[in-house]
Amino acid sequence: QEEAFLVSLYKFMKERRTPIERIPHLGFKQINLWKIHKAVEKLGAYELVTGRRLWKSVYDELGGSPGSTSAATCTRRHY
């Protein structure tokens, strides 16, 4: 399931002419694209996570540094 998601994601991004050239980082850790997708899906998808201001929760679930002041914004932007 994870592999199929990643193949689909890379294909989608390439088709819209914004290919994933390198995996983004939060802090000094590479983002697990499957894990961030599942975390957002579990909280109700992008619109709900944004509307309810839950991006910090997503960041925390990814194992981010608790002291980061821009965690929510960076997480949303990378998603």
Protein backbone atom coordinates (compact mmCIF):
# COMPACT_ATOMS: atom_id res chain seq x y z
CA GLN A 1 0.00 0.00 0.00
CA GLU A 2 2.82 2.42 0.87
CA GLU A 3 4.72 1.64 -2.32
CA ALA A 4 1.60 2.08 -4.46
CA PHE A 5 0.94 5.44 -2.78
CA LEU A 6 4.49 6.65 -3.46
CA VAL A 7 4.39 5.56 -7.10
CA SER A 8 1.05 7.34 -7.52
CA LEU A 9 2.31 10.48 -5.76
CA TYR A 10 5.47 10.74 -7.87
CA LYS A 11 3.42 10.20 -11.05
CA PHE A 12 0.87 12.84 -10.02
CA MET A 13 3.53 15.40 -9.18
CA LYS A 14 5.38 14.75 -12.45
CA GLU A 15 2.18 15.10 -14.50
CA ARG A 16 1.44 18.48 -12.95
CA ARG A 17 5.01 19.53 -13.79
CA THR A 18 6.16 19.81 -10.16
CA PRO A 19 8.17 16.61 -9.79
CA ILE A 20 9.55 15.57 -6.43
CA GLU A 21 13.27 15.99 -6.99
CA ARG A 22 14.24 15.37 -3.39
CA ILE A 23 12.32 14.46 -0.26
CA PRO A 24 11.66 17.54 1.92
CA HIS A 25 13.05 17.81 5.44
CA LEU A 26 11.53 19.04 8.68
CA GLY A 27 14.28 20.10 10.98
CA PHE A 28 17.10 17.74 10.12
CA LYS A 29 14.87 14.75 9.40
CA GLN A 30 13.67 13.62 6.00
CA ILE A 31 9.86 13.51 5.86
CA ASN A 32 8.30 10.08 5.43
CA LEU A 33 5.74 10.94 2.72
CA TRP A 34 3.58 7.92 3.51
CA LYS A 35 3.54 8.74 7.22
CA ILE A 36 2.59 12.41 6.67
CA HIS A 37 -0.16 11.34 4.25
CA LYS A 38 -1.60 8.86 6.77
CA ALA A 39 -1.37 11.37 9.64
CA VAL A 40 -3.31 14.00 7.66
CA GLU A 41 -5.82 11.42 6.43
CA LYS A 42 -6.41 10.25 10.01
CA LEU A 43 -7.20 13.82 11.10
CA GLY A 44 -9.70 14.31 8.26
CA ALA A 45 -7.69 15.52 5.22
CA TYR A 46 -6.03 18.82 4.31
CA GLU A 47 -9.04 21.12 4.66
CA LEU A 48 -9.96 19.89 8.14
CA VAL A 49 -6.37 19.85 9.38
CA THR A 50 -5.93 23.42 8.13
CA GLY A 51 -9.32 24.63 9.38
CA ARG A 52 -8.82 23.12 12.83
CA ARG A 53 -5.19 24.23 12.98
CA LEU A 54 -3.89 20.70 13.50
CA TRP A 55 -0.63 20.95 11.56
CA LYS A 56 1.38 21.01 14.79
CA SER A 57 -0.23 17.65 15.69
CA VAL A 58 0.87 16.25 12.33
CA TYR A 59 4.39 17.58 12.96
CA ASP A 60 4.44 15.98 16.40
CA GLU A 61 3.30 12.65 14.95
CA LEU A 62 6.19 12.78 12.51
CA GLY A 63 8.55 13.02 15.47
CA GLY A 64 9.47 16.67 15.08
CA SER A 65 11.43 18.72 17.58
CA PRO A 66 9.09 20.06 20.31
CA GLY A 67 10.80 23.46 20.42
CA SER A 68 10.18 24.43 16.79
CA THR A 69 8.22 27.66 16.45
CA SER A 70 7.46 27.26 12.73
CA ALA A 71 6.54 23.57 12.86
CA ALA A 72 2.90 23.95 11.81
CA THR A 73 3.63 26.27 8.89
CA CYS A 74 6.53 24.18 7.57
CA THR A 75 4.57 20.95 7.86
CA ARG A 76 1.61 22.39 5.95
CA ARG A 77 3.85 23.84 3.25
CA HIS A 78 5.67 20.54 2.72
CA TYR A 79 2.40 18.62 2.59
